[in-house]
N, C-alpha and C. Protein backbone atom coordinates (compact mmCIF):
# COMPACT_ATOMS: atom_id res chain seq x y z
N UNK A 1 2.50 -3.06 28.18
CA UNK A 1 3.33 -1.90 28.40
C UNK A 1 3.96 -1.48 27.07
N UNK A 2 3.94 -0.20 26.79
CA UNK A 2 4.53 0.32 25.56
C UNK A 2 6.04 0.34 25.64
N UNK A 3 6.68 -0.04 24.54
CA UNK A 3 8.13 0.02 24.46
C UNK A 3 8.53 1.42 24.02
N UNK A 4 9.64 1.88 24.52
CA UNK A 4 10.19 3.16 24.09
C UNK A 4 11.45 2.86 23.30
N UNK A 5 11.52 3.40 22.09
CA UNK A 5 12.67 3.17 21.22
C UNK A 5 13.50 4.43 21.16
N UNK A 6 14.79 4.28 21.32
CA UNK A 6 15.72 5.40 21.22
C UNK A 6 16.62 5.18 20.03
N UNK A 7 16.83 6.20 19.29
CA UNK A 7 17.75 6.14 18.16
C UNK A 7 18.84 7.17 18.41
N UNK A 8 20.08 6.72 18.37
CA UNK A 8 21.21 7.61 18.57
C UNK A 8 21.79 7.93 17.19
N UNK A 9 21.83 9.20 16.87
CA UNK A 9 22.33 9.64 15.57
C UNK A 9 23.71 10.23 15.79
N UNK A 10 24.69 9.63 15.14
CA UNK A 10 26.07 10.09 15.29
C UNK A 10 26.73 10.20 13.92
N UNK A 11 27.84 10.92 13.88
CA UNK A 11 28.62 11.03 12.65
C UNK A 11 29.38 9.73 12.46
N UNK A 12 29.46 9.30 11.19
CA UNK A 12 30.09 8.02 10.92
C UNK A 12 30.74 8.04 9.54
N UNK A 13 31.68 7.15 9.33
CA UNK A 13 32.30 6.99 8.03
C UNK A 13 31.63 5.86 7.25
N UNK A 14 30.58 5.28 7.82
CA UNK A 14 29.87 4.18 7.20
C UNK A 14 29.05 4.67 6.02
N UNK A 15 28.90 3.81 5.01
CA UNK A 15 28.03 4.14 3.88
C UNK A 15 26.62 4.36 4.38
N UNK A 16 25.99 5.43 3.92
CA UNK A 16 24.62 5.73 4.33
C UNK A 16 23.65 5.35 3.23
N UNK A 17 22.43 5.10 3.61
CA UNK A 17 21.39 4.75 2.65
C UNK A 17 20.30 5.81 2.66
N UNK A 18 19.72 6.06 1.52
CA UNK A 18 18.67 7.08 1.43
C UNK A 18 17.36 6.62 2.06
N UNK A 19 17.29 5.38 2.43
CA UNK A 19 16.06 4.85 3.01
C UNK A 19 16.28 4.34 4.44
N UNK A 20 17.09 5.09 5.19
CA UNK A 20 17.39 4.70 6.57
C UNK A 20 16.15 4.70 7.45
N UNK A 21 15.17 5.53 7.13
CA UNK A 21 13.94 5.59 7.92
C UNK A 21 13.11 4.32 7.88
N UNK A 22 13.48 3.39 7.02
CA UNK A 22 12.74 2.13 6.95
C UNK A 22 12.85 1.33 8.24
N UNK A 23 13.88 1.58 9.01
CA UNK A 23 14.00 0.87 10.30
C UNK A 23 12.83 1.23 11.20
N UNK A 24 12.44 2.50 11.19
CA UNK A 24 11.29 2.92 11.98
C UNK A 24 10.00 2.28 11.45
N UNK A 25 9.88 2.20 10.13
CA UNK A 25 8.72 1.57 9.51
C UNK A 25 8.68 0.10 9.91
N UNK A 26 9.82 -0.56 9.85
CA UNK A 26 9.90 -1.97 10.24
C UNK A 26 9.50 -2.18 11.69
N UNK A 27 9.99 -1.31 12.57
CA UNK A 27 9.60 -1.42 13.98
C UNK A 27 8.11 -1.22 14.15
N UNK A 28 7.56 -0.23 13.47
CA UNK A 28 6.11 0.02 13.59
C UNK A 28 5.32 -1.19 13.10
N UNK A 29 5.69 -1.75 11.96
CA UNK A 29 4.96 -2.90 11.42
C UNK A 29 5.11 -4.15 12.28
N UNK A 30 6.33 -4.39 12.76
CA UNK A 30 6.59 -5.62 13.50
C UNK A 30 6.25 -5.56 14.98
N UNK A 31 6.32 -4.37 15.56
CA UNK A 31 6.08 -4.24 17.00
C UNK A 31 4.70 -3.69 17.35
N UNK A 32 4.06 -3.00 16.42
CA UNK A 32 2.80 -2.33 16.75
C UNK A 32 1.63 -2.77 15.89
N UNK A 33 1.80 -3.82 15.11
CA UNK A 33 0.69 -4.40 14.35
C UNK A 33 0.73 -5.91 14.51
N UNK A 34 -0.33 -6.54 14.13
CA UNK A 34 -0.40 -8.01 14.11
C UNK A 34 -0.34 -8.51 12.67
N UNK A 35 0.42 -7.82 11.84
CA UNK A 35 0.47 -8.11 10.42
C UNK A 35 0.78 -9.57 10.14
N UNK A 36 1.81 -10.10 10.76
CA UNK A 36 2.20 -11.49 10.49
C UNK A 36 1.09 -12.45 10.86
N UNK A 37 0.49 -12.27 12.03
CA UNK A 37 -0.60 -13.16 12.46
C UNK A 37 -1.85 -12.96 11.61
N UNK A 38 -2.17 -11.71 11.30
CA UNK A 38 -3.38 -11.42 10.52
C UNK A 38 -3.31 -12.00 9.12
N UNK A 39 -2.14 -12.04 8.52
CA UNK A 39 -2.02 -12.50 7.14
C UNK A 39 -1.94 -14.01 7.02
N UNK A 40 -1.73 -14.71 8.10
CA UNK A 40 -1.65 -16.17 8.03
C UNK A 40 -2.98 -16.78 7.60
N UNK A 41 -4.08 -16.11 7.87
CA UNK A 41 -5.39 -16.64 7.50
C UNK A 41 -5.81 -16.34 6.08
N UNK A 42 -5.00 -15.61 5.31
CA UNK A 42 -5.38 -15.24 3.94
C UNK A 42 -5.50 -16.48 3.08
N UNK A 43 -4.47 -17.25 2.97
CA UNK A 43 -4.48 -18.52 2.24
C UNK A 43 -3.18 -19.24 2.57
N UNK A 44 -3.18 -20.52 2.33
CA UNK A 44 -1.96 -21.28 2.60
C UNK A 44 -0.93 -20.96 1.52
N UNK A 45 0.32 -21.17 1.88
CA UNK A 45 1.42 -20.90 0.95
C UNK A 45 2.10 -22.20 0.56
N UNK A 46 2.59 -22.24 -0.65
CA UNK A 46 3.39 -23.39 -1.05
C UNK A 46 4.75 -23.26 -0.37
N UNK A 47 5.46 -24.34 -0.27
CA UNK A 47 6.77 -24.35 0.37
C UNK A 47 7.71 -23.39 -0.35
N UNK A 48 8.37 -22.53 0.38
CA UNK A 48 9.34 -21.60 -0.18
C UNK A 48 8.76 -20.31 -0.73
N UNK A 49 7.43 -20.14 -0.64
CA UNK A 49 6.80 -18.92 -1.17
C UNK A 49 7.08 -17.74 -0.23
N UNK A 50 7.05 -16.54 -0.79
CA UNK A 50 7.20 -15.32 0.01
C UNK A 50 5.94 -15.17 0.85
N UNK A 51 6.10 -14.88 2.13
CA UNK A 51 4.94 -14.78 3.02
C UNK A 51 4.09 -13.56 2.70
N UNK A 52 2.82 -13.66 3.06
CA UNK A 52 1.89 -12.54 2.88
C UNK A 52 2.40 -11.31 3.62
N UNK A 53 2.90 -11.50 4.84
CA UNK A 53 3.39 -10.38 5.64
C UNK A 53 4.58 -9.70 4.96
N UNK A 54 5.48 -10.48 4.35
CA UNK A 54 6.61 -9.89 3.63
C UNK A 54 6.15 -9.07 2.44
N UNK A 55 5.13 -9.55 1.74
CA UNK A 55 4.60 -8.82 0.59
C UNK A 55 3.98 -7.50 1.04
N UNK A 56 3.16 -7.55 2.09
CA UNK A 56 2.52 -6.32 2.57
C UNK A 56 3.53 -5.35 3.16
N UNK A 57 4.50 -5.85 3.92
CA UNK A 57 5.53 -4.98 4.49
C UNK A 57 6.33 -4.30 3.39
N UNK A 58 6.68 -5.05 2.35
CA UNK A 58 7.43 -4.47 1.23
C UNK A 58 6.61 -3.40 0.52
N UNK A 59 5.32 -3.64 0.35
CA UNK A 59 4.45 -2.66 -0.31
C UNK A 59 4.34 -1.39 0.53
N UNK A 60 4.17 -1.54 1.84
CA UNK A 60 4.09 -0.37 2.74
C UNK A 60 5.41 0.40 2.69
N UNK A 61 6.53 -0.31 2.71
CA UNK A 61 7.84 0.35 2.66
C UNK A 61 8.00 1.17 1.38
N UNK A 62 7.60 0.60 0.25
CA UNK A 62 7.70 1.35 -1.01
C UNK A 62 6.85 2.61 -0.96
N UNK A 63 5.64 2.49 -0.43
CA UNK A 63 4.77 3.66 -0.33
C UNK A 63 5.37 4.73 0.57
N UNK A 64 5.99 4.30 1.67
CA UNK A 64 6.63 5.25 2.59
C UNK A 64 7.82 5.95 1.92
N UNK A 65 8.42 5.30 0.94
CA UNK A 65 9.52 5.90 0.19
C UNK A 65 9.02 6.71 -0.99
N UNK A 66 7.70 6.81 -1.13
CA UNK A 66 7.12 7.58 -2.22
C UNK A 66 7.11 6.83 -3.54
N UNK A 67 7.23 5.52 -3.49
CA UNK A 67 7.25 4.70 -4.69
C UNK A 67 5.92 3.97 -4.83
N UNK A 68 5.12 4.34 -5.81
CA UNK A 68 3.82 3.69 -5.96
C UNK A 68 3.80 2.66 -7.08
N UNK A 69 4.92 2.48 -7.79
CA UNK A 69 4.94 1.49 -8.87
C UNK A 69 5.60 0.21 -8.39
N UNK A 70 5.10 -0.91 -8.88
CA UNK A 70 5.58 -2.22 -8.43
C UNK A 70 7.04 -2.47 -8.78
N UNK A 71 7.49 -1.96 -9.93
CA UNK A 71 8.86 -2.25 -10.35
C UNK A 71 9.91 -1.60 -9.45
N UNK A 72 9.50 -0.68 -8.59
CA UNK A 72 10.45 -0.06 -7.65
C UNK A 72 11.05 -1.09 -6.70
N UNK A 73 10.38 -2.21 -6.50
CA UNK A 73 10.89 -3.23 -5.59
C UNK A 73 12.20 -3.83 -6.12
N UNK A 74 12.42 -3.77 -7.43
CA UNK A 74 13.62 -4.37 -8.01
C UNK A 74 14.90 -3.79 -7.45
N UNK A 75 14.89 -2.51 -7.09
CA UNK A 75 16.10 -1.88 -6.52
C UNK A 75 16.46 -2.44 -5.15
N UNK A 76 15.49 -3.06 -4.48
CA UNK A 76 15.71 -3.50 -3.11
C UNK A 76 15.83 -5.01 -2.97
N UNK A 77 15.79 -5.73 -4.07
CA UNK A 77 15.82 -7.20 -4.01
C UNK A 77 17.11 -7.73 -3.40
N UNK A 78 18.22 -7.04 -3.64
CA UNK A 78 19.52 -7.48 -3.12
C UNK A 78 20.03 -6.54 -2.02
N UNK A 79 19.18 -5.68 -1.52
CA UNK A 79 19.56 -4.68 -0.51
C UNK A 79 19.37 -5.28 0.88
N UNK A 80 20.47 -5.63 1.55
CA UNK A 80 20.36 -6.27 2.86
C UNK A 80 19.75 -5.34 3.90
N UNK A 81 20.00 -4.03 3.78
CA UNK A 81 19.41 -3.10 4.74
C UNK A 81 17.89 -3.12 4.65
N UNK A 82 17.35 -3.09 3.44
CA UNK A 82 15.91 -3.13 3.23
C UNK A 82 15.33 -4.37 3.91
N UNK A 83 15.95 -5.51 3.68
CA UNK A 83 15.49 -6.78 4.24
C UNK A 83 15.54 -6.75 5.77
N UNK A 84 16.67 -6.34 6.31
CA UNK A 84 16.86 -6.35 7.77
C UNK A 84 16.01 -5.29 8.46
N UNK A 85 15.91 -4.10 7.88
CA UNK A 85 15.15 -3.02 8.51
C UNK A 85 13.68 -3.37 8.66
N UNK A 86 13.16 -4.12 7.70
CA UNK A 86 11.74 -4.49 7.74
C UNK A 86 11.51 -5.85 8.38
N UNK A 87 12.59 -6.55 8.71
CA UNK A 87 12.45 -7.87 9.31
C UNK A 87 11.91 -8.91 8.33
N UNK A 88 12.31 -8.79 7.07
CA UNK A 88 11.82 -9.69 6.03
C UNK A 88 12.69 -10.94 5.94
N UNK A 89 12.07 -12.04 5.59
CA UNK A 89 12.85 -13.23 5.26
C UNK A 89 13.27 -13.17 3.81
N UNK A 90 12.37 -12.66 2.94
CA UNK A 90 12.67 -12.50 1.51
C UNK A 90 11.95 -11.27 1.00
N UNK A 91 12.58 -10.59 0.06
CA UNK A 91 11.95 -9.47 -0.62
C UNK A 91 11.24 -10.03 -1.85
N UNK A 92 9.96 -9.73 -2.02
CA UNK A 92 9.24 -10.29 -3.16
C UNK A 92 9.73 -9.71 -4.48
N UNK A 93 9.54 -10.46 -5.54
CA UNK A 93 9.86 -9.96 -6.88
C UNK A 93 8.75 -8.99 -7.30
N UNK A 94 8.99 -8.29 -8.39
CA UNK A 94 7.97 -7.38 -8.92
C UNK A 94 6.69 -8.14 -9.25
N UNK A 95 6.82 -9.31 -9.85
CA UNK A 95 5.64 -10.10 -10.23
C UNK A 95 4.84 -10.54 -9.03
N UNK A 96 5.52 -10.96 -7.97
CA UNK A 96 4.81 -11.39 -6.77
C UNK A 96 4.18 -10.19 -6.09
N UNK A 97 4.89 -9.08 -6.02
CA UNK A 97 4.32 -7.88 -5.41
C UNK A 97 3.12 -7.40 -6.21
N UNK A 98 3.22 -7.41 -7.51
CA UNK A 98 2.12 -6.98 -8.39
C UNK A 98 0.91 -7.89 -8.22
N UNK A 99 1.15 -9.19 -8.14
CA UNK A 99 0.05 -10.14 -8.05
C UNK A 99 -0.52 -10.25 -6.65
N UNK A 100 0.15 -9.68 -5.67
CA UNK A 100 -0.35 -9.75 -4.30
C UNK A 100 0.15 -10.97 -3.58
N UNK A 101 0.23 -12.09 -4.24
CA UNK A 101 0.73 -13.35 -3.69
C UNK A 101 1.23 -14.21 -4.86
N UNK A 102 1.60 -15.36 -4.52
CA UNK A 102 2.00 -16.31 -5.57
C UNK A 102 0.73 -16.93 -6.14
N UNK A 103 -0.14 -16.07 -6.70
CA UNK A 103 -1.42 -16.52 -7.24
C UNK A 103 -1.24 -17.41 -8.46
N UNK A 104 -0.10 -17.32 -9.13
CA UNK A 104 0.14 -18.18 -10.29
C UNK A 104 0.36 -19.63 -9.87
N UNK A 105 0.49 -19.85 -8.59
CA UNK A 105 0.67 -21.21 -8.09
C UNK A 105 -0.65 -21.84 -7.67
N UNK A 106 -1.77 -21.22 -8.05
CA UNK A 106 -3.08 -21.78 -7.75
C UNK A 106 -3.61 -21.37 -6.38
N UNK A 107 -3.01 -20.37 -5.77
CA UNK A 107 -3.47 -19.90 -4.46
C UNK A 107 -4.29 -18.65 -4.62
N UNK A 108 -5.19 -18.41 -3.66
CA UNK A 108 -5.96 -17.18 -3.66
C UNK A 108 -5.08 -16.05 -3.17
N UNK A 109 -5.10 -14.94 -3.87
CA UNK A 109 -4.32 -13.78 -3.48
C UNK A 109 -5.20 -12.70 -2.92
N UNK A 110 -4.75 -11.47 -3.03
CA UNK A 110 -5.55 -10.33 -2.62
C UNK A 110 -5.22 -9.20 -3.57
N UNK A 111 -6.15 -8.29 -3.69
CA UNK A 111 -5.95 -7.15 -4.57
C UNK A 111 -5.73 -5.91 -3.72
N UNK A 112 -4.55 -5.30 -3.80
CA UNK A 112 -4.31 -4.10 -3.00
C UNK A 112 -5.04 -2.90 -3.58
N UNK A 113 -5.55 -2.04 -2.71
CA UNK A 113 -6.16 -0.78 -3.11
C UNK A 113 -5.38 0.32 -2.40
N UNK A 114 -4.87 1.29 -3.16
CA UNK A 114 -4.07 2.35 -2.58
C UNK A 114 -4.62 3.69 -3.03
N UNK A 115 -4.76 4.60 -2.09
CA UNK A 115 -5.18 5.95 -2.39
C UNK A 115 -4.00 6.88 -2.20
N UNK A 116 -3.43 7.36 -3.32
CA UNK A 116 -2.24 8.21 -3.28
C UNK A 116 -2.52 9.53 -3.96
N UNK A 117 -1.82 10.56 -3.51
CA UNK A 117 -1.92 11.84 -4.21
C UNK A 117 -0.97 11.83 -5.40
N UNK A 118 -0.97 12.88 -6.14
CA UNK A 118 -0.11 12.99 -7.32
C UNK A 118 1.35 13.14 -6.98
N UNK A 119 1.97 14.26 -7.34
CA UNK A 119 3.42 14.40 -7.21
C UNK A 119 3.94 14.21 -5.79
N UNK A 120 3.18 14.64 -4.78
CA UNK A 120 3.66 14.52 -3.41
C UNK A 120 3.55 13.12 -2.85
N UNK A 121 2.76 12.27 -3.49
CA UNK A 121 2.56 10.89 -3.06
C UNK A 121 2.10 10.78 -1.61
N UNK A 122 1.15 11.65 -1.22
CA UNK A 122 0.56 11.49 0.10
C UNK A 122 -0.31 10.25 0.08
N UNK A 123 -0.32 9.54 1.16
CA UNK A 123 -1.02 8.27 1.25
C UNK A 123 -2.33 8.51 1.98
N UNK A 124 -3.45 8.44 1.25
CA UNK A 124 -4.76 8.72 1.84
C UNK A 124 -5.45 7.47 2.36
N UNK A 125 -5.06 6.33 1.92
CA UNK A 125 -5.70 5.12 2.40
C UNK A 125 -5.15 3.89 1.70
N UNK A 126 -5.32 2.77 2.36
CA UNK A 126 -4.90 1.49 1.80
C UNK A 126 -5.92 0.46 2.20
N UNK A 127 -6.14 -0.49 1.33
CA UNK A 127 -7.07 -1.57 1.61
C UNK A 127 -6.73 -2.74 0.73
N UNK A 128 -7.44 -3.82 0.91
CA UNK A 128 -7.24 -4.98 0.05
C UNK A 128 -8.53 -5.78 0.02
N UNK A 129 -8.69 -6.52 -1.04
CA UNK A 129 -9.83 -7.42 -1.13
C UNK A 129 -9.30 -8.79 -1.50
N UNK A 130 -10.03 -9.81 -1.10
CA UNK A 130 -9.59 -11.18 -1.36
C UNK A 130 -9.51 -11.42 -2.86
N UNK A 131 -8.51 -12.20 -3.28
CA UNK A 131 -8.29 -12.45 -4.68
C UNK A 131 -9.41 -13.20 -5.37
N UNK A 132 -10.19 -13.96 -4.62
CA UNK A 132 -11.25 -14.73 -5.26
C UNK A 132 -12.51 -13.91 -5.48
N UNK A 133 -12.57 -12.71 -4.95
CA UNK A 133 -13.74 -11.86 -5.16
C UNK A 133 -13.43 -10.84 -6.25
N UNK A 134 -14.46 -10.31 -6.91
CA UNK A 134 -14.21 -9.30 -7.95
C UNK A 134 -13.51 -8.08 -7.37
N UNK A 135 -12.68 -7.44 -8.19
CA UNK A 135 -11.91 -6.29 -7.72
C UNK A 135 -12.81 -5.14 -7.30
N UNK A 136 -14.04 -5.12 -7.73
CA UNK A 136 -14.96 -4.04 -7.40
C UNK A 136 -15.47 -4.11 -5.96
N UNK A 137 -15.43 -5.30 -5.36
CA UNK A 137 -15.94 -5.43 -3.98
C UNK A 137 -15.24 -4.45 -3.05
N UNK A 138 -15.99 -3.74 -2.26
CA UNK A 138 -15.51 -2.77 -1.27
C UNK A 138 -14.94 -1.50 -1.88
N UNK A 139 -14.89 -1.39 -3.20
CA UNK A 139 -14.30 -0.21 -3.82
C UNK A 139 -15.09 1.07 -3.53
N UNK A 140 -16.43 1.10 -3.62
CA UNK A 140 -17.14 2.36 -3.33
C UNK A 140 -16.87 2.87 -1.91
N UNK A 141 -16.84 1.98 -0.93
CA UNK A 141 -16.56 2.39 0.45
C UNK A 141 -15.13 2.91 0.57
N UNK A 142 -14.20 2.26 -0.11
CA UNK A 142 -12.81 2.70 -0.11
C UNK A 142 -12.69 4.09 -0.74
N UNK A 143 -13.37 4.30 -1.87
CA UNK A 143 -13.34 5.60 -2.53
C UNK A 143 -13.89 6.68 -1.60
N UNK A 144 -14.96 6.38 -0.92
CA UNK A 144 -15.56 7.35 0.00
C UNK A 144 -14.55 7.78 1.08
N UNK A 145 -13.86 6.79 1.68
CA UNK A 145 -12.86 7.09 2.72
C UNK A 145 -11.71 7.93 2.16
N UNK A 146 -11.21 7.54 1.00
CA UNK A 146 -10.06 8.24 0.41
C UNK A 146 -10.43 9.66 0.03
N UNK A 147 -11.60 9.85 -0.58
CA UNK A 147 -12.02 11.19 -0.99
C UNK A 147 -12.26 12.10 0.22
N UNK A 148 -12.82 11.55 1.28
CA UNK A 148 -13.02 12.35 2.50
C UNK A 148 -11.68 12.80 3.07
N UNK A 149 -10.70 11.91 3.08
CA UNK A 149 -9.37 12.27 3.60
C UNK A 149 -8.69 13.31 2.72
N UNK A 150 -8.82 13.13 1.41
CA UNK A 150 -8.22 14.09 0.48
C UNK A 150 -8.83 15.47 0.66
N UNK A 151 -10.13 15.53 0.88
CA UNK A 151 -10.83 16.81 1.04
C UNK A 151 -10.44 17.51 2.35
N UNK A 152 -9.95 16.77 3.31
CA UNK A 152 -9.47 17.40 4.55
C UNK A 152 -8.21 18.22 4.28
N UNK A 153 -7.51 17.90 3.20
CA UNK A 153 -6.25 18.58 2.89
C UNK A 153 -6.39 19.67 1.83
N UNK A 154 -7.37 19.52 0.93
CA UNK A 154 -7.45 20.49 -0.16
C UNK A 154 -8.85 20.61 -0.72
N UNK A 155 -9.15 21.81 -1.22
CA UNK A 155 -10.38 22.05 -1.97
C UNK A 155 -10.08 22.15 -3.46
N UNK A 156 -8.85 21.87 -3.85
CA UNK A 156 -8.44 21.93 -5.25
C UNK A 156 -9.06 20.77 -6.02
N UNK A 157 -9.05 20.85 -7.35
CA UNK A 157 -9.60 19.76 -8.16
C UNK A 157 -8.85 18.45 -7.90
N UNK A 158 -9.56 17.37 -7.93
CA UNK A 158 -8.97 16.05 -7.74
C UNK A 158 -9.28 15.19 -8.96
N UNK A 159 -8.32 14.39 -9.36
CA UNK A 159 -8.51 13.44 -10.44
C UNK A 159 -8.38 12.05 -9.85
N UNK A 160 -9.39 11.25 -10.03
CA UNK A 160 -9.42 9.89 -9.52
C UNK A 160 -9.13 8.96 -10.69
N UNK A 161 -8.05 8.20 -10.60
CA UNK A 161 -7.66 7.27 -11.66
C UNK A 161 -7.93 5.85 -11.20
N UNK A 162 -8.75 5.15 -11.95
CA UNK A 162 -9.13 3.79 -11.59
C UNK A 162 -8.76 2.82 -12.70
N UNK A 163 -8.58 1.58 -12.33
CA UNK A 163 -8.30 0.54 -13.30
C UNK A 163 -9.59 0.17 -14.03
N UNK A 164 -9.48 -0.47 -15.19
CA UNK A 164 -10.67 -0.78 -15.97
C UNK A 164 -11.62 -1.76 -15.27
N UNK A 165 -11.14 -2.51 -14.31
CA UNK A 165 -12.00 -3.40 -13.55
C UNK A 165 -12.97 -2.65 -12.66
N UNK A 166 -12.74 -1.35 -12.48
CA UNK A 166 -13.59 -0.52 -11.63
C UNK A 166 -14.46 0.43 -12.43
N UNK A 167 -14.66 0.14 -13.69
CA UNK A 167 -15.50 0.96 -14.57
C UNK A 167 -16.96 0.56 -14.39
N UNK A 168 -17.52 0.93 -13.24
CA UNK A 168 -18.91 0.57 -12.92
C UNK A 168 -19.65 1.78 -12.35
N UNK A 169 -20.95 1.74 -12.44
CA UNK A 169 -21.78 2.85 -11.99
C UNK A 169 -21.64 3.14 -10.50
N UNK A 170 -21.40 2.12 -9.68
CA UNK A 170 -21.27 2.34 -8.23
C UNK A 170 -20.13 3.30 -7.91
N UNK A 171 -19.03 3.20 -8.65
CA UNK A 171 -17.90 4.10 -8.40
C UNK A 171 -18.20 5.51 -8.88
N UNK A 172 -18.84 5.62 -10.03
CA UNK A 172 -19.23 6.93 -10.53
C UNK A 172 -20.21 7.58 -9.56
N UNK A 173 -21.13 6.77 -9.01
CA UNK A 173 -22.09 7.28 -8.02
C UNK A 173 -21.37 7.74 -6.75
N UNK A 174 -20.32 7.01 -6.34
CA UNK A 174 -19.56 7.41 -5.15
C UNK A 174 -18.91 8.77 -5.36
N UNK A 175 -18.38 9.01 -6.55
CA UNK A 175 -17.77 10.30 -6.87
C UNK A 175 -18.83 11.40 -6.89
N UNK A 176 -19.95 11.13 -7.53
CA UNK A 176 -21.03 12.12 -7.58
C UNK A 176 -21.58 12.42 -6.19
N UNK A 177 -21.75 11.37 -5.37
CA UNK A 177 -22.22 11.58 -3.99
C UNK A 177 -21.24 12.43 -3.20
N UNK A 178 -19.95 12.28 -3.49
CA UNK A 178 -18.94 13.09 -2.80
C UNK A 178 -18.98 14.54 -3.28
N UNK A 179 -19.19 14.74 -4.56
CA UNK A 179 -19.18 16.09 -5.13
C UNK A 179 -20.38 16.92 -4.68
N UNK A 180 -21.54 16.31 -4.52
CA UNK A 180 -22.76 17.07 -4.20
C UNK A 180 -22.67 17.89 -2.92
N UNK A 181 -22.29 17.31 -1.78
CA UNK A 181 -22.24 18.14 -0.56
C UNK A 181 -21.01 19.04 -0.47
N UNK A 182 -20.08 18.90 -1.37
CA UNK A 182 -18.84 19.67 -1.35
C UNK A 182 -18.84 20.72 -2.46
N UNK A 183 -19.88 21.49 -2.55
CA UNK A 183 -20.02 22.46 -3.64
C UNK A 183 -18.95 23.55 -3.60
N UNK A 184 -18.40 23.84 -2.42
CA UNK A 184 -17.37 24.87 -2.31
C UNK A 184 -16.02 24.37 -2.84
N UNK A 185 -15.85 23.09 -2.85
CA UNK A 185 -14.59 22.50 -3.35
C UNK A 185 -14.71 22.23 -4.84
N UNK A 186 -13.57 22.23 -5.51
CA UNK A 186 -13.55 21.86 -6.91
C UNK A 186 -13.98 20.38 -7.02
N UNK A 187 -14.64 20.01 -8.08
CA UNK A 187 -15.15 18.65 -8.16
C UNK A 187 -14.04 17.60 -8.33
N UNK A 188 -14.40 16.39 -7.97
CA UNK A 188 -13.54 15.23 -8.23
C UNK A 188 -13.93 14.71 -9.61
N UNK A 189 -12.94 14.50 -10.45
CA UNK A 189 -13.16 13.92 -11.77
C UNK A 189 -12.59 12.51 -11.76
N UNK A 190 -13.17 11.64 -12.54
CA UNK A 190 -12.64 10.28 -12.57
C UNK A 190 -12.16 9.93 -13.97
N UNK A 191 -11.18 9.06 -14.00
CA UNK A 191 -10.63 8.58 -15.27
C UNK A 191 -10.38 7.08 -15.11
N UNK A 192 -10.95 6.32 -15.99
CA UNK A 192 -10.77 4.87 -15.97
C UNK A 192 -9.75 4.50 -17.04
N UNK A 193 -8.69 3.77 -16.66
CA UNK A 193 -7.71 3.40 -17.69
C UNK A 193 -8.01 2.03 -18.25
C-alpha cells in the first residue's frame, strides 16, 4: 500500500534553511527505493566507515540542490538538518564523496557517472560502475541514454565534457552515432579534459 505524505506549511519564527526540500528527497530515497539494501552488496566496509547508502544519498541531495562539485558537501558536514532530512548516520567528507567509498582503505569503490546540463543543472542521468572495473565500462551506453534525454529537451548545440579516462574511440563513436540520425538538431561536440 502506498503511503501518503502531508506537509503542513505554516508561518514560523524558526530559522529557515534554503534546502528545506531535502526532506522530500530523503523520504523518496528512504521510503521509495531499496538504496540501503542494494548498496550492501557493493563491498564490505571497515568499522566506522560511511555507508554506501549515505554516500549515494548525499550525492543525490547535492545534485537536487544544483551542486555538481564534490566540495559542495563541505557546507553540509555540520548541518543537522541535512543529516536528519536524508536519514543519514554520517555525512561523507569531500574525499570520501569524490572517491565513491573509502577506497583508500583497500576496499572496492564505485565510479559515479552523472549527466548534467550546464547553467541550469538539469539532471539527465546517473549511473555508476564498480571501482575494480575500468571507468570506461558502460560509458557508451550511459552516453547514449543521456544524449537521448537531452535531445528531448533541446535541439541546441550540446557540449559533452568527459574525463581523460574516457578518451576512447567508443565514446567518440557514441557521439557520432547520436549526431547522424539527428541532422535537424545542432551536433553534440565532445571535450576530453
